[in-house]
Amino acid sequence: MNEKQYKVMSQTGASGIVLGIIALVVGVSVGVLSIINGARLLHEKKNITF
C-alpha cells in the first residue's frame, strides 16, 4: 500500500515541477512580447499626424 502512495506522490511532485517550468516559460514569453510591442508602438508614435 505504501508503494502506491509513494508513486502517486512522485508523479504529483514531478507534474508540479513541469507545470511550474511551463508557467515560467509562458510568463517570460508574454513579458518579452509585451515589451517588444510597446517599444514598437512608442517608435511608431512619431509618424502620427493629426
C-alpha atoms as a PDB file:
ATOM      1  CA  MET A   1       0.000   0.000   0.000  1.00  0.00           C
ATOM      2  CA  ASN A   2       2.807   2.407   0.827  1.00  0.00           C
ATOM      3  CA  GLU A   3       4.400   1.842  -2.577  1.00  0.00           C
ATOM      4  CA  LYS A   4       1.259   3.058  -4.332  1.00  0.00           C
ATOM      5  CA  GLN A   5       1.189   6.240  -2.234  1.00  0.00           C
ATOM      6  CA  TYR A   6       4.884   6.802  -2.916  1.00  0.00           C
ATOM      7  CA  LYS A   7       4.271   6.503  -6.667  1.00  0.00           C
ATOM      8  CA  VAL A   8       1.362   8.950  -6.552  1.00  0.00           C
ATOM      9  CA  MET A   9       3.394  11.454  -4.555  1.00  0.00           C
ATOM     10  CA  SER A  10       6.311  11.156  -7.002  1.00  0.00           C
ATOM     11  CA  GLN A  11       4.068  11.725 -10.009  1.00  0.00           C
ATOM     12  CA  THR A  12       2.359  14.668  -8.335  1.00  0.00           C
ATOM     13  CA  GLY A  13       5.691  16.274  -7.466  1.00  0.00           C
ATOM     14  CA  ALA A  14       7.030  15.782 -10.979  1.00  0.00           C
ATOM     15  CA  SER A  15       3.903  17.208 -12.593  1.00  0.00           C
ATOM     16  CA  GLY A  16       4.085  20.219 -10.268  1.00  0.00           C
ATOM     17  CA  ILE A  17       7.640  20.917 -11.356  1.00  0.00           C
ATOM     18  CA  VAL A  18       6.733  20.539 -15.035  1.00  0.00           C
ATOM     19  CA  LEU A  19       3.752  22.882 -14.702  1.00  0.00           C
ATOM     20  CA  GLY A  20       5.924  25.418 -12.890  1.00  0.00           C
ATOM     21  CA  ILE A  21       8.502  25.389 -15.682  1.00  0.00           C
ATOM     22  CA  ILE A  22       5.794  25.760 -18.322  1.00  0.00           C
ATOM     23  CA  ALA A  23       4.238  28.692 -16.443  1.00  0.00           C
ATOM     24  CA  LEU A  24       7.659  30.341 -16.145  1.00  0.00           C
ATOM     25  CA  VAL A  25       8.387  29.986 -19.871  1.00  0.00           C
ATOM     26  CA  VAL A  26       4.951  31.290 -20.874  1.00  0.00           C
ATOM     27  CA  GLY A  27       5.250  34.226 -18.468  1.00  0.00           C
ATOM     28  CA  VAL A  28       8.666  35.234 -19.770  1.00  0.00           C
ATOM     29  CA  SER A  29       7.494  34.906 -23.386  1.00  0.00           C
ATOM     30  CA  VAL A  30       4.444  37.096 -22.795  1.00  0.00           C
ATOM     31  CA  GLY A  31       6.567  39.668 -20.981  1.00  0.00           C
ATOM     32  CA  VAL A  32       9.101  39.871 -23.797  1.00  0.00           C
ATOM     33  CA  LEU A  33       6.372  40.164 -26.422  1.00  0.00           C
ATOM     34  CA  SER A  34       4.698  42.958 -24.435  1.00  0.00           C
ATOM     35  CA  ILE A  35       7.956  44.893 -24.195  1.00  0.00           C
ATOM     36  CA  ILE A  36       8.614  44.498 -27.923  1.00  0.00           C
ATOM     37  CA  ASN A  37       5.105  45.616 -28.878  1.00  0.00           C
ATOM     38  CA  GLY A  38       5.254  48.585 -26.500  1.00  0.00           C
ATOM     39  CA  ALA A  39       8.596  49.684 -27.908  1.00  0.00           C
ATOM     40  CA  ARG A  40       7.246  49.361 -31.441  1.00  0.00           C
ATOM     41  CA  LEU A  41       4.210  51.500 -30.567  1.00  0.00           C
ATOM     42  CA  LEU A  42       6.382  54.188 -28.991  1.00  0.00           C
ATOM     43  CA  HIS A  43       8.661  54.198 -32.025  1.00  0.00           C
ATOM     44  CA  GLU A  44       5.769  54.492 -34.497  1.00  0.00           C
ATOM     45  CA  LYS A  45       4.145  57.268 -32.451  1.00  0.00           C
ATOM     46  CA  LYS A  46       6.410  59.763 -34.244  1.00  0.00           C
ATOM     47  CA  ASN A  47       4.747  59.064 -37.592  1.00  0.00           C
ATOM     48  CA  ILE A  48       1.224  60.005 -36.476  1.00  0.00           C
ATOM     49  CA  THR A  49      -0.059  63.334 -37.755  1.00  0.00           C
ATOM     50  CA  PHE A  50      -3.327  64.923 -36.682  1.00  0.00           C
END
